[in-house]
Amino acid sequence: MSPKTLRNLLTALVILVLGVVSAGVLVKIGNKPERKTPPAARPVVSTFTVSSETDPIRVRSYGSVKAKRSVSVVSRVNGEVMDKSAHFEAGGYFSKGETLLKIEETDYILAVEQARANVAQSEYNLARAEEEAQVAQREWERIGNDGFDSAEGSEPTALVMHEPQLKLARANLEAAKAAQTQAELNLERCIITAPFDGRVLDTSIDAGQFIRSGTALGTIYATDIAEVTVSIADDELAWITVNYDAADGGVPVDVSSDFAGAEHHWQGRAVRLGGAVDSRSRLVSVVVEIPDPYERSGNRPPLIEGMFVDVLFSAEPPAGSVVIPRTALRPGDQVWVVDQQGKLRIHDVQVARAGIEQAIITDGLASGDRVCTSNLQYVTDGMPVRVEGDPVPAAGKPGPDGKKGGE
């Protein structure tokens, strides 16, 4: 080994020894870092603050729109359709008394004339029978006054006095008048008019078609009132006011539907309950009437037969009760309340109604209580939590429960 190489190795060894000695000295004289305990994990929860001002109780259901009055247009005479109204088409509107169809009436005009002639003939026959009866009466009185022995102690028969002939003539006249009335009625039935203001659901007839009596020509419905029948659980009926007096406006019911790209609302009223409880679902039918549902109002379109709608009933909650979200009510009629120290407390409450969106609590909560609406896997009474939105306590500073963030 050359002297130069040996010198380089010794220099490297000295440097290595000095580095190890310096590191040891630094470790000996350096300050040890403070050992800190990580803060305890607190679940973050969402809360709802209970208020003394409660929203109305809402009961929601769904149903389809149908007219309160819907009738089939049926022909009552035979004949060819001569004219059909342009409004008598599916979706068309019409007014009360408007002519919808006109049936060829020549045969019925002739029948009326023939019936009138028969009435005149029957009137003549009755007058003749009355005159003959009067003549028979006078003849009998004259024979009796002459003192014929054959007539003493005897009474004339009804046939001799022309009584049956008179009754027959009167009956024939009544029959002729009835036939005339029927002929005139058939003539009137050649013109089919609308019985109310309404709309056409469907038609199955056109001009030139021959129809027979009893043929269904279409279906129409009135536009003054529409109905929606919804199914309600029997325990929800306590929150629904049914107004059986149609003259009274009653408690409003909100009817809404998403139609033509927007949500539209109509005001209705619950007027009656269904005739029976459904044997399978045990639900009760509630009928809601909607006045003037087919009129346009601003951008709101008219209701359409068969439209699916959302029906919302509203009622005032019991006095002294509070309303919380349905998600805040736990099994066993319990709620989780976050106290001022940030701890979760389990409260037993008295529930008046537990709906889909709301729960009505009559006892166990007070105004200002913060009710937990989050779902937690494990819950114990007094468990520390942090409400969403509250500041996180820094290490060494007291939190809501009085403990420091690092404790």
Foldseek 3Di string as FASTA:
>chain_A
DDPVVVVVVVVVVVVVVVVVVVVVVCVVVDDDDDDFFAFDDFAAFAWDFWALDADWDKDKWKFWKDFPDKDFDFAAAWAFWADADPQQAAFRWDFFFAWGTAGDQPVLVVQLVVLVVQLVVLVVQLVVLVVQLVVLVVVLVVVVVVPDPVPPPDDDDCVSSSVVSNVVSVVSNVVSVVSNVVSVVSSVSSTDGHRGTWHFNHADDDGGDIDHGGDGGGMIHHQFKMKTKTWAAPLCVVFADAAQDPVDQAAWKWKWDCDPNRIDIFIWGFHDKDPDQPPPPRTIITMIMTGNQCDDDVPDHHDDGGGMIMIMGTGHDDPQKIKDFLLQQDPPQWWWWQDQLQFTAIWHFDWPDRDPTMTITNDTDDRRTITTNDDDPDDDGGRHHHYPPDDQADAPPQGSNGDGRRD
